[in-house]
N, C-alpha and C. Protein backbone atom coordinates (compact mmCIF):
# COMPACT_ATOMS: atom_id res chain seq x y z
N MET A 1 88.88 -56.87 -30.29
CA MET A 1 87.72 -56.36 -29.57
C MET A 1 87.50 -56.58 -28.58
N GLY A 2 87.81 -58.16 -27.82
CA GLY A 2 87.10 -58.35 -26.86
C GLY A 2 88.05 -57.68 -25.72
N ARG A 3 89.12 -57.09 -25.65
CA ARG A 3 90.38 -57.01 -24.73
C ARG A 3 89.75 -55.34 -24.47
N ILE A 4 89.32 -54.60 -25.48
CA ILE A 4 88.57 -53.24 -25.83
C ILE A 4 87.60 -53.40 -24.68
N LEU A 5 86.50 -53.86 -25.03
CA LEU A 5 85.38 -54.05 -24.59
C LEU A 5 85.51 -54.54 -23.15
N GLU A 6 86.34 -55.38 -22.92
CA GLU A 6 86.73 -55.40 -21.36
C GLU A 6 87.10 -54.32 -20.50
N ALA A 7 88.57 -53.81 -21.19
CA ALA A 7 88.95 -52.59 -20.53
C ALA A 7 87.55 -51.49 -20.45
N ALA A 8 86.79 -51.39 -21.14
CA ALA A 8 85.43 -50.08 -20.99
C ALA A 8 84.81 -50.32 -19.95
N LYS A 9 84.56 -51.71 -19.85
CA LYS A 9 83.54 -52.04 -18.71
C LYS A 9 84.06 -52.03 -17.31
N ALA A 10 85.61 -52.53 -17.27
CA ALA A 10 86.54 -52.05 -16.11
C ALA A 10 86.87 -51.01 -15.87
N LEU A 11 86.88 -49.98 -16.80
CA LEU A 11 87.19 -48.60 -16.19
C LEU A 11 85.79 -47.62 -16.76
N ALA A 12 84.56 -48.23 -16.59
CA ALA A 12 83.24 -47.81 -15.63
C ALA A 12 83.28 -48.69 -14.29
N ASP A 13 83.02 -49.77 -13.96
CA ASP A 13 83.24 -50.19 -13.03
C ASP A 13 84.38 -49.38 -11.79
N ALA A 14 85.50 -48.87 -12.11
CA ALA A 14 86.34 -48.53 -11.03
C ALA A 14 86.19 -47.05 -11.23
N THR A 15 85.33 -46.35 -12.06
CA THR A 15 85.18 -44.91 -12.23
C THR A 15 83.66 -44.92 -11.79
N GLY A 16 82.49 -45.77 -11.84
CA GLY A 16 81.56 -45.24 -11.29
C GLY A 16 80.31 -44.62 -12.55
N GLY A 17 81.28 -44.96 -13.79
CA GLY A 17 80.50 -43.83 -14.73
C GLY A 17 80.26 -44.80 -15.75
N LEU A 18 80.09 -43.93 -17.08
CA LEU A 18 79.95 -43.91 -17.86
C LEU A 18 80.50 -43.60 -19.17
N VAL A 19 80.89 -45.11 -19.88
CA VAL A 19 82.41 -45.21 -20.98
C VAL A 19 80.94 -45.21 -22.38
N VAL A 20 81.54 -44.08 -23.27
CA VAL A 20 81.19 -43.71 -24.54
C VAL A 20 81.76 -44.27 -25.52
N LEU A 21 81.74 -45.28 -25.65
CA LEU A 21 82.57 -45.47 -27.60
C LEU A 21 81.28 -45.05 -28.61
N VAL A 22 82.70 -44.14 -29.78
CA VAL A 22 81.85 -43.29 -30.64
C VAL A 22 82.37 -44.45 -31.69
N HIS A 23 81.60 -44.77 -32.77
CA HIS A 23 81.62 -45.57 -34.17
C HIS A 23 80.85 -45.47 -34.84
N HIS A 24 81.20 -46.05 -36.12
CA HIS A 24 80.62 -45.28 -37.15
C HIS A 24 79.81 -46.63 -38.24
N SER A 25 78.82 -46.41 -38.90
CA SER A 25 79.05 -46.94 -39.74
C SER A 25 79.21 -46.79 -41.33
N GLY A 26 79.50 -47.81 -42.31
CA GLY A 26 79.71 -47.83 -43.52
C GLY A 26 79.14 -47.53 -44.14
N LYS A 27 79.83 -47.61 -45.72
CA LYS A 27 78.96 -46.61 -46.66
C LYS A 27 77.45 -47.62 -47.20
N ASP A 28 77.91 -48.36 -46.37
CA ASP A 28 76.58 -49.74 -46.99
C ASP A 28 75.89 -49.62 -45.92
N LEU A 29 75.16 -49.52 -45.29
CA LEU A 29 73.63 -48.77 -44.50
C LEU A 29 73.48 -50.28 -44.12
N THR A 30 73.12 -51.14 -44.78
CA THR A 30 72.80 -52.83 -44.34
C THR A 30 73.06 -53.52 -43.68
N LYS A 31 74.65 -52.83 -43.75
CA LYS A 31 75.89 -54.02 -42.38
C LYS A 31 75.89 -53.21 -40.95
N GLY A 32 75.12 -52.09 -41.02
CA GLY A 32 75.05 -51.59 -39.87
C GLY A 32 76.24 -51.09 -39.14
N MET A 33 77.24 -50.65 -37.74
CA MET A 33 78.11 -50.49 -37.57
C MET A 33 79.43 -51.10 -38.20
N ARG A 34 80.39 -50.85 -38.18
CA ARG A 34 80.88 -51.43 -39.00
C ARG A 34 82.02 -51.81 -37.92
N GLY A 35 83.35 -52.87 -37.90
CA GLY A 35 83.98 -53.56 -37.38
C GLY A 35 83.55 -54.53 -37.14
N HIS A 36 83.59 -54.71 -35.75
CA HIS A 36 83.23 -56.69 -35.03
C HIS A 36 82.05 -56.57 -34.27
N SER A 37 81.33 -57.53 -34.60
CA SER A 37 79.74 -57.64 -34.75
C SER A 37 79.59 -57.76 -32.78
N SER A 38 80.84 -58.35 -32.09
CA SER A 38 80.50 -58.22 -30.33
C SER A 38 80.32 -57.23 -30.26
N MET A 39 80.34 -56.00 -31.07
CA MET A 39 80.54 -54.39 -30.04
C MET A 39 79.21 -54.15 -29.80
N PHE A 40 78.00 -54.51 -31.15
CA PHE A 40 77.15 -53.93 -30.41
C PHE A 40 75.56 -55.16 -29.23
N ALA A 41 76.07 -56.38 -29.36
CA ALA A 41 75.97 -57.18 -28.40
C ALA A 41 76.68 -57.01 -26.64
N ALA A 42 77.49 -56.43 -27.13
CA ALA A 42 78.16 -55.76 -25.46
C ALA A 42 77.89 -54.33 -24.81
N MET A 43 76.79 -53.96 -25.58
CA MET A 43 76.60 -52.57 -24.93
C MET A 43 75.37 -52.39 -24.45
N ASP A 44 75.25 -51.39 -23.19
CA ASP A 44 74.13 -51.23 -22.55
C ASP A 44 73.24 -50.72 -23.47
N GLY A 45 73.68 -49.61 -24.36
CA GLY A 45 72.74 -48.83 -24.73
C GLY A 45 73.51 -48.15 -26.15
N ALA A 46 73.27 -48.05 -27.07
CA ALA A 46 73.70 -47.70 -28.63
C ALA A 46 72.65 -46.13 -28.99
N ILE A 47 72.82 -45.29 -29.22
CA ILE A 47 72.30 -44.26 -29.47
C ILE A 47 73.51 -44.38 -31.56
N GLU A 48 72.11 -43.62 -32.11
CA GLU A 48 72.35 -43.91 -33.65
C GLU A 48 72.21 -42.60 -34.24
N VAL A 49 72.69 -41.33 -34.69
CA VAL A 49 73.27 -40.36 -34.72
C VAL A 49 72.69 -40.39 -36.57
N SER A 50 71.97 -39.36 -37.05
CA SER A 50 71.39 -39.73 -38.80
C SER A 50 71.46 -38.01 -38.93
N ARG A 51 71.67 -37.68 -39.92
CA ARG A 51 71.57 -36.56 -40.91
C ARG A 51 70.73 -36.54 -41.70
N ASP A 52 69.81 -35.59 -42.31
CA ASP A 52 69.28 -35.49 -44.14
C ASP A 52 69.19 -33.48 -43.57
N GLY A 53 70.37 -32.93 -44.61
CA GLY A 53 70.85 -31.35 -44.63
C GLY A 53 70.61 -30.92 -43.37
N ASP A 54 70.09 -30.01 -42.85
CA ASP A 54 71.05 -29.47 -41.36
C ASP A 54 70.20 -30.57 -40.34
N ARG A 55 68.76 -30.91 -40.55
CA ARG A 55 68.35 -31.84 -39.72
C ARG A 55 69.35 -33.36 -39.33
N ARG A 56 68.95 -33.14 -38.23
CA ARG A 56 69.33 -34.47 -37.49
C ARG A 56 68.74 -35.39 -36.42
N GLU A 57 69.00 -36.30 -36.31
CA GLU A 57 68.26 -36.64 -35.32
C GLU A 57 68.81 -38.48 -34.74
N TRP A 58 68.46 -38.67 -33.38
CA TRP A 58 69.35 -39.27 -32.53
C TRP A 58 68.04 -40.36 -31.98
N ARG A 59 68.69 -41.51 -32.73
CA ARG A 59 67.52 -42.74 -32.02
C ARG A 59 68.32 -43.54 -31.30
N SER A 60 67.31 -44.09 -30.17
CA SER A 60 67.47 -45.25 -29.50
C SER A 60 67.93 -46.67 -30.36
N ALA A 61 69.22 -46.88 -30.66
CA ALA A 61 69.08 -48.05 -31.52
C ALA A 61 68.92 -49.52 -30.71
N LYS A 62 69.46 -49.36 -29.01
CA LYS A 62 69.82 -50.19 -28.20
C LYS A 62 69.52 -49.61 -26.89
N SER A 63 68.73 -50.47 -25.43
CA SER A 63 68.32 -49.67 -24.58
C SER A 63 67.88 -51.02 -23.65
N LYS A 64 69.20 -51.12 -22.81
CA LYS A 64 68.84 -52.65 -21.85
C LYS A 64 67.69 -52.43 -21.35
N ASP A 65 67.13 -50.95 -20.82
CA ASP A 65 66.43 -51.34 -19.12
C ASP A 65 65.32 -50.69 -20.51
N GLY A 66 65.38 -50.22 -21.15
CA GLY A 66 64.26 -48.69 -22.00
C GLY A 66 63.81 -49.33 -23.60
N GLU A 67 62.86 -48.54 -23.46
CA GLU A 67 62.68 -48.79 -25.33
C GLU A 67 63.19 -48.42 -26.12
N ASP A 68 63.70 -48.87 -27.47
CA ASP A 68 64.29 -49.09 -28.45
C ASP A 68 63.64 -48.21 -29.33
N GLY A 69 63.80 -47.67 -30.60
CA GLY A 69 63.61 -46.69 -31.30
C GLY A 69 63.27 -45.94 -31.40
N CYS A 70 62.69 -45.32 -29.92
CA CYS A 70 62.46 -43.80 -29.82
C CYS A 70 63.74 -42.74 -30.73
N ALA A 71 62.86 -41.57 -31.51
CA ALA A 71 63.68 -41.18 -31.96
C ALA A 71 63.62 -39.61 -31.61
N TYR A 72 64.46 -38.74 -31.73
CA TYR A 72 64.19 -37.31 -31.45
C TYR A 72 65.38 -36.74 -32.16
N PRO A 73 64.54 -35.12 -32.81
CA PRO A 73 65.42 -34.23 -34.11
C PRO A 73 65.99 -33.33 -33.47
N PHE A 74 67.17 -32.81 -34.07
CA PHE A 74 68.11 -31.43 -33.24
C PHE A 74 68.33 -31.04 -34.49
N ARG A 75 69.02 -29.54 -34.10
CA ARG A 75 70.23 -29.25 -35.33
C ARG A 75 71.19 -28.50 -34.12
N LEU A 76 72.22 -28.29 -35.27
CA LEU A 76 73.46 -27.97 -34.65
C LEU A 76 73.42 -26.26 -34.59
N ARG A 77 73.29 -25.74 -33.75
CA ARG A 77 73.29 -24.41 -34.06
C ARG A 77 75.22 -23.86 -33.86
N ARG A 78 75.68 -22.89 -34.61
CA ARG A 78 76.87 -22.46 -34.39
C ARG A 78 76.85 -21.13 -33.37
N ILE A 79 77.86 -20.87 -32.61
CA ILE A 79 78.17 -20.39 -31.63
C ILE A 79 79.34 -19.64 -31.14
N ASP A 80 79.57 -18.55 -30.87
CA ASP A 80 80.98 -17.89 -30.85
C ASP A 80 81.38 -18.09 -29.73
N VAL A 81 82.56 -18.46 -29.37
CA VAL A 81 83.21 -18.43 -28.10
C VAL A 81 84.29 -18.24 -27.67
N GLY A 82 84.85 -16.87 -28.67
CA GLY A 82 86.04 -15.91 -28.43
C GLY A 82 86.54 -16.03 -29.82
N THR A 83 88.06 -15.13 -29.80
CA THR A 83 88.53 -15.28 -30.71
C THR A 83 90.00 -15.37 -30.65
N ASP A 84 90.41 -15.97 -31.91
CA ASP A 84 92.07 -16.00 -31.96
C ASP A 84 92.95 -15.16 -31.70
N GLY A 85 94.28 -15.22 -31.85
CA GLY A 85 95.06 -14.16 -31.54
C GLY A 85 94.96 -13.10 -33.07
N ASP A 86 94.50 -14.14 -34.05
CA ASP A 86 94.47 -13.00 -34.58
C ASP A 86 92.69 -12.14 -35.19
N GLY A 87 92.29 -11.95 -33.98
CA GLY A 87 90.82 -11.31 -34.15
C GLY A 87 90.10 -12.29 -34.83
N GLU A 88 90.17 -13.55 -35.44
CA GLU A 88 89.61 -14.17 -35.97
C GLU A 88 88.34 -15.17 -34.88
N PRO A 89 87.21 -15.34 -35.38
CA PRO A 89 86.25 -16.24 -34.00
C PRO A 89 86.53 -17.34 -34.37
N ILE A 90 86.48 -17.62 -32.86
CA ILE A 90 86.69 -19.18 -32.56
C ILE A 90 84.98 -19.64 -32.27
N THR A 91 84.92 -20.62 -33.03
CA THR A 91 82.99 -21.07 -32.98
C THR A 91 83.31 -22.86 -32.65
N SER A 92 81.72 -22.71 -32.09
CA SER A 92 81.64 -24.34 -31.61
C SER A 92 79.88 -24.05 -32.05
N CYS A 93 79.91 -25.57 -31.43
CA CYS A 93 78.10 -25.87 -32.20
C CYS A 93 77.75 -26.35 -30.60
N VAL A 94 76.00 -26.51 -30.52
CA VAL A 94 75.15 -26.55 -29.45
C VAL A 94 74.35 -27.47 -30.29
N VAL A 95 73.65 -28.44 -29.34
CA VAL A 95 72.65 -29.15 -29.89
C VAL A 95 71.55 -28.06 -29.71
N ASP A 96 70.73 -28.00 -30.70
CA ASP A 96 69.10 -26.84 -30.02
C ASP A 96 68.05 -27.63 -30.94
N THR A 97 67.02 -27.95 -29.61
CA THR A 97 66.06 -28.58 -29.69
C THR A 97 65.08 -27.07 -29.56
N ASP A 98 65.12 -26.20 -29.60
CA ASP A 98 64.17 -25.25 -29.13
C ASP A 98 63.39 -24.95 -30.55
N LEU A 99 62.75 -25.69 -31.24
CA LEU A 99 62.68 -24.91 -32.85
C LEU A 99 61.26 -24.53 -32.84
N GLN A 100 60.83 -24.07 -33.72
CA GLN A 100 59.55 -23.78 -34.20
C GLN A 100 58.57 -25.08 -34.15
N PRO A 101 57.43 -24.39 -34.16
CA PRO A 101 56.27 -25.46 -33.97
C PRO A 101 56.47 -26.00 -34.90
N GLY A 102 56.01 -27.78 -35.12
CA GLY A 102 56.21 -28.52 -36.06
C GLY A 102 57.38 -28.99 -36.68
N GLU A 103 58.78 -27.82 -36.12
CA GLU A 103 59.98 -28.13 -37.08
C GLU A 103 60.48 -29.20 -36.14
N LEU A 104 59.99 -29.95 -35.30
CA LEU A 104 60.05 -30.97 -34.25
C LEU A 104 59.62 -32.77 -35.09
N GLU A 105 58.93 -32.63 -36.01
CA GLU A 105 57.93 -33.23 -36.95
C GLU A 105 59.33 -33.89 -37.89
N LEU A 106 59.65 -35.24 -37.85
CA LEU A 106 60.70 -35.23 -38.95
C LEU A 106 59.50 -36.01 -40.45
N PRO A 107 59.92 -35.67 -41.17
CA PRO A 107 59.65 -36.06 -42.55
C PRO A 107 59.17 -37.01 -42.52
N ARG A 108 58.31 -37.62 -43.37
CA ARG A 108 58.05 -38.79 -43.54
C ARG A 108 59.03 -39.58 -44.90
N PRO A 109 59.59 -41.16 -44.42
CA PRO A 109 60.41 -41.10 -45.38
C PRO A 109 59.97 -41.04 -46.84
N LYS A 110 60.46 -40.87 -47.79
CA LYS A 110 60.19 -40.62 -49.40
C LYS A 110 60.12 -42.10 -49.65
N LEU A 111 58.59 -42.81 -50.64
CA LEU A 111 58.62 -44.17 -50.93
C LEU A 111 59.19 -44.01 -52.27
N PRO A 112 59.66 -45.12 -52.60
CA PRO A 112 60.41 -44.95 -54.17
C PRO A 112 59.06 -45.14 -55.08
N LYS A 113 59.67 -44.18 -56.10
CA LYS A 113 58.98 -43.93 -57.07
C LYS A 113 58.99 -44.76 -58.57
N GLY A 114 59.95 -45.31 -58.58
CA GLY A 114 60.48 -46.05 -60.10
C GLY A 114 61.55 -47.02 -59.73
N GLY A 115 61.74 -47.36 -60.87
CA GLY A 115 63.40 -48.56 -60.74
C GLY A 115 63.34 -49.80 -59.64
N ASN A 116 64.62 -49.89 -59.23
CA ASN A 116 64.29 -51.18 -58.45
C ASN A 116 64.44 -51.40 -57.31
N GLN A 117 64.58 -49.64 -56.54
CA GLN A 117 63.90 -49.56 -55.26
C GLN A 117 62.08 -49.67 -55.17
N LYS A 118 61.76 -49.46 -56.65
CA LYS A 118 60.20 -49.08 -55.97
C LYS A 118 59.62 -51.03 -56.02
N ILE A 119 60.30 -52.01 -57.05
CA ILE A 119 60.04 -53.13 -57.57
C ILE A 119 60.53 -53.89 -55.97
N VAL A 120 61.87 -53.96 -55.17
CA VAL A 120 62.09 -54.72 -54.40
C VAL A 120 61.21 -53.70 -52.84
N TYR A 121 60.95 -52.43 -52.74
CA TYR A 121 60.14 -52.13 -51.62
C TYR A 121 58.68 -53.39 -52.06
N ASP A 122 57.78 -53.16 -52.79
CA ASP A 122 56.75 -54.32 -53.25
C ASP A 122 56.91 -55.53 -52.91
N GLY A 123 58.17 -56.07 -53.57
CA GLY A 123 58.42 -57.35 -52.74
C GLY A 123 58.96 -57.67 -51.46
N LEU A 124 59.39 -56.49 -50.86
CA LEU A 124 59.32 -56.48 -49.10
C LEU A 124 57.96 -56.53 -48.40
N GLY A 125 57.33 -55.96 -48.69
CA GLY A 125 55.76 -56.15 -48.42
C GLY A 125 55.83 -57.78 -47.46
N PRO A 126 55.70 -58.77 -48.51
CA PRO A 126 54.82 -59.74 -48.11
C PRO A 126 55.86 -60.95 -47.01
N LEU A 127 57.20 -60.30 -47.22
CA LEU A 127 58.24 -60.98 -46.37
C LEU A 127 58.23 -60.43 -45.04
N PHE A 128 58.04 -59.31 -44.78
CA PHE A 128 57.82 -58.52 -43.80
C PHE A 128 56.44 -58.96 -43.15
N ARG A 129 55.26 -59.19 -43.78
CA ARG A 129 53.67 -59.88 -43.39
C ARG A 129 54.13 -61.09 -42.53
N ALA A 130 55.29 -61.62 -43.45
CA ALA A 130 54.93 -63.58 -42.82
C ALA A 130 56.11 -63.47 -41.72
N SER A 131 57.04 -62.57 -41.55
CA SER A 131 58.07 -63.15 -40.91
C SER A 131 57.58 -63.06 -39.01
N THR A 132 57.88 -64.18 -38.38
CA THR A 132 56.93 -64.02 -36.86
C THR A 132 58.32 -63.50 -36.17
N VAL A 133 59.79 -62.84 -36.59
CA VAL A 133 60.36 -62.22 -35.73
C VAL A 133 60.08 -60.76 -35.10
N ARG A 134 60.63 -60.41 -34.13
CA ARG A 134 60.44 -58.66 -34.09
C ARG A 134 61.31 -58.53 -33.20
N GLY A 135 61.68 -56.97 -33.28
CA GLY A 135 62.35 -55.98 -32.04
C GLY A 135 63.88 -56.55 -32.33
N LYS A 136 64.49 -56.97 -33.30
CA LYS A 136 65.80 -57.50 -33.75
C LYS A 136 66.66 -56.54 -33.90
N ALA A 137 68.27 -56.23 -33.59
CA ALA A 137 68.78 -55.59 -33.53
C ALA A 137 68.78 -54.46 -33.73
N GLY A 138 67.55 -53.47 -32.36
CA GLY A 138 67.20 -52.22 -32.55
C GLY A 138 66.20 -52.22 -33.17
N ALA A 139 65.55 -52.88 -33.57
CA ALA A 139 64.17 -52.64 -33.79
C ALA A 139 63.12 -52.39 -32.80
N PRO A 140 62.25 -51.60 -33.47
CA PRO A 140 61.07 -51.75 -32.03
C PRO A 140 60.30 -52.89 -32.07
N ALA A 141 60.04 -52.94 -31.00
CA ALA A 141 59.65 -54.53 -30.50
C ALA A 141 58.56 -54.80 -31.22
N THR A 142 57.56 -54.30 -31.62
CA THR A 142 56.90 -54.87 -32.55
C THR A 142 56.74 -54.76 -34.03
N ARG A 143 58.06 -54.54 -34.81
CA ARG A 143 58.18 -54.79 -35.75
C ARG A 143 58.83 -55.75 -36.54
N PRO A 144 58.01 -56.21 -37.39
CA PRO A 144 58.45 -57.46 -38.32
C PRO A 144 59.69 -57.51 -38.53
N CYS A 145 60.94 -58.23 -38.13
CA CYS A 145 62.28 -58.26 -38.90
C CYS A 145 62.50 -59.23 -39.91
N ILE A 146 63.74 -59.03 -40.76
CA ILE A 146 63.88 -59.98 -41.68
C ILE A 146 65.53 -59.90 -42.07
N THR A 147 65.96 -60.66 -42.29
CA THR A 147 67.50 -60.49 -42.51
C THR A 147 67.67 -60.17 -43.77
N LEU A 148 68.82 -59.03 -43.96
CA LEU A 148 69.31 -58.73 -45.28
C LEU A 148 69.31 -60.13 -46.41
N ASP A 149 69.76 -60.96 -45.86
CA ASP A 149 69.66 -62.61 -47.08
C ASP A 149 68.69 -62.60 -47.76
N GLU A 150 67.77 -62.63 -46.56
CA GLU A 150 66.07 -62.98 -47.04
C GLU A 150 65.64 -61.68 -47.69
N ALA A 151 66.08 -60.79 -47.40
CA ALA A 151 65.56 -59.32 -48.26
C ALA A 151 65.80 -59.60 -49.91
N ILE A 152 67.54 -59.83 -49.63
CA ILE A 152 67.76 -59.72 -51.15
C ILE A 152 66.78 -61.48 -52.17
N ALA A 153 67.13 -62.12 -51.31
CA ALA A 153 66.65 -63.45 -52.15
C ALA A 153 65.40 -63.51 -52.32
N GLY A 154 64.62 -62.82 -51.43
CA GLY A 154 63.08 -62.77 -51.92
C GLY A 154 62.80 -61.90 -52.75
N THR A 155 63.63 -60.94 -52.99
CA THR A 155 63.50 -59.63 -54.14
C THR A 155 64.34 -59.72 -55.43
N ARG A 156 65.30 -60.19 -55.64
CA ARG A 156 66.15 -60.05 -56.89
C ARG A 156 65.47 -60.47 -57.98
N ASP A 157 64.97 -61.96 -57.61
CA ASP A 157 64.41 -62.13 -59.15
C ASP A 157 63.12 -61.42 -59.65
N ARG A 158 62.67 -60.62 -58.72
CA ARG A 158 61.82 -59.64 -59.18
C ARG A 158 62.40 -58.76 -60.25
N LEU A 159 63.62 -58.27 -60.06
CA LEU A 159 64.74 -57.45 -60.75
C LEU A 159 64.54 -57.96 -62.34
N ALA A 160 64.29 -56.84 -63.58
CA ALA A 160 64.18 -57.04 -64.76
C ALA A 160 65.77 -56.40 -65.04
N VAL A 161 66.88 -57.55 -65.08
CA VAL A 161 68.39 -57.47 -65.01
C VAL A 161 69.14 -58.61 -65.34
N GLU A 162 70.27 -58.68 -65.82
CA GLU A 162 70.99 -59.73 -66.00
C GLU A 162 70.77 -60.88 -64.37
N GLN A 163 70.92 -62.19 -64.86
CA GLN A 163 70.55 -62.85 -63.61
C GLN A 163 71.70 -62.78 -62.50
N LYS A 164 72.93 -62.76 -63.60
CA LYS A 164 74.46 -62.38 -62.53
C LYS A 164 74.34 -61.11 -61.66
N ARG A 165 73.55 -60.13 -61.78
CA ARG A 165 73.67 -58.80 -61.31
C ARG A 165 72.16 -58.31 -60.42
N ARG A 166 71.69 -59.49 -60.46
CA ARG A 166 70.49 -59.37 -59.33
C ARG A 166 70.54 -59.32 -58.32
N THR A 167 71.33 -59.85 -57.58
CA THR A 167 71.77 -60.02 -55.85
C THR A 167 72.57 -58.47 -55.55
N GLU A 168 73.06 -58.16 -56.62
CA GLU A 168 73.96 -56.61 -56.41
C GLU A 168 72.78 -55.63 -56.45
N ARG A 169 72.28 -55.85 -57.59
CA ARG A 169 70.95 -54.50 -57.30
C ARG A 169 70.20 -55.02 -56.33
N ALA A 170 69.39 -56.00 -55.89
CA ALA A 170 68.69 -56.19 -55.21
C ALA A 170 69.58 -55.60 -53.80
N GLN A 171 71.07 -55.33 -53.28
CA GLN A 171 71.36 -55.01 -52.51
C GLN A 171 71.26 -53.49 -52.71
N GLN A 172 71.79 -52.79 -53.78
CA GLN A 172 71.94 -51.89 -54.22
C GLN A 172 70.51 -51.18 -53.74
N ALA A 173 69.07 -51.75 -54.02
CA ALA A 173 68.11 -51.13 -53.75
C ALA A 173 68.18 -50.82 -52.26
N ILE A 174 68.11 -51.94 -51.53
CA ILE A 174 67.74 -52.48 -50.44
C ILE A 174 68.81 -51.26 -49.18
N THR A 175 69.87 -50.84 -49.97
CA THR A 175 71.19 -49.83 -49.51
C THR A 175 70.07 -48.54 -49.83
N GLY A 176 69.04 -48.06 -50.80
CA GLY A 176 68.77 -47.02 -51.28
C GLY A 176 67.78 -46.82 -50.01
N LEU A 177 67.17 -47.44 -49.87
CA LEU A 177 66.01 -48.02 -49.37
C LEU A 177 66.01 -46.91 -47.48
N ILE A 178 67.32 -47.62 -47.10
CA ILE A 178 67.82 -47.33 -46.01
C ILE A 178 68.14 -46.21 -45.91
N ALA A 179 69.05 -45.35 -47.15
CA ALA A 179 69.22 -44.16 -47.05
C ALA A 179 68.30 -43.16 -46.55
N SER A 180 67.36 -43.56 -47.63
CA SER A 180 66.12 -42.46 -47.62
C SER A 180 64.94 -42.57 -46.46
N GLY A 181 65.18 -44.01 -45.61
CA GLY A 181 64.34 -43.77 -44.46
C GLY A 181 63.48 -44.56 -44.08
N VAL A 182 63.37 -45.39 -45.20
CA VAL A 182 62.27 -46.31 -45.42
C VAL A 182 62.34 -47.80 -44.67
N LEU A 183 63.98 -48.06 -44.37
CA LEU A 183 63.95 -49.31 -43.57
C LEU A 183 64.99 -48.96 -42.81
N GLY A 184 64.80 -49.47 -41.68
CA GLY A 184 65.73 -49.52 -40.71
C GLY A 184 66.28 -50.96 -40.66
N SER A 185 67.87 -50.67 -40.16
CA SER A 185 69.10 -51.81 -40.60
C SER A 185 69.81 -51.78 -39.18
N ASN A 186 70.27 -53.00 -39.24
CA ASN A 186 70.89 -52.98 -38.30
C ASN A 186 71.30 -54.49 -37.77
N GLU A 187 73.08 -54.72 -37.87
CA GLU A 187 73.64 -56.19 -37.62
C GLU A 187 72.91 -57.23 -38.41
N GLY A 188 72.56 -56.66 -39.73
CA GLY A 188 71.97 -57.63 -40.93
C GLY A 188 70.42 -57.64 -40.52
N TRP A 189 69.71 -56.95 -39.41
CA TRP A 189 68.68 -57.09 -39.67
C TRP A 189 67.99 -55.97 -40.47
N LEU A 190 66.52 -55.89 -41.05
CA LEU A 190 66.14 -54.81 -41.54
C LEU A 190 64.68 -54.96 -41.16
N TRP A 191 63.83 -54.12 -41.24
CA TRP A 191 62.65 -53.50 -40.40
C TRP A 191 62.24 -52.09 -40.95
N LEU A 192 60.62 -52.06 -40.81
CA LEU A 192 60.01 -50.87 -42.21
C LEU A 192 60.25 -50.03 -40.89
N ILE A 193 60.20 -48.40 -41.60
CA ILE A 193 60.40 -47.28 -40.28
C ILE A 193 58.94 -47.37 -40.43
């Protein structure tokens, strides 16, 4: 990974341009980007794109010289760009931010209403209030942050499941809270959205 990052920087320096690396997260959103941890640290900026139905959002996960955490909604609109040899349409898509009033407002995260997510969510509140760490790994600068390990350790004993399953179930609940937009996560850090 070090060689790839060095090559990307050399290419940017040689051309005076921008090198964009496209990456993705794994199924477990609590772990942030997949792969080597040095990638996020080496970047001047990182943009995270998420999707909920046909609504998409890009968020500044890291900005060397700007504000982290700014989010902007958009939709992809299909356009025709021509026809192929059989007369079938050739299509592509464009980013559409020209939406009706109110459409640019993102829906509020759905707070958990039952089960382990509710129990874990309730247990996270005191942990975030007690945290003195702010703005880690792409979180807004004013948001308290805790590590995933702290979140699991601080909430697992609240769950009414077998002792040997508590860590696994706490992590599953946290992953669900991230997926529903209640928690932000990157590089093992968590914060409330």
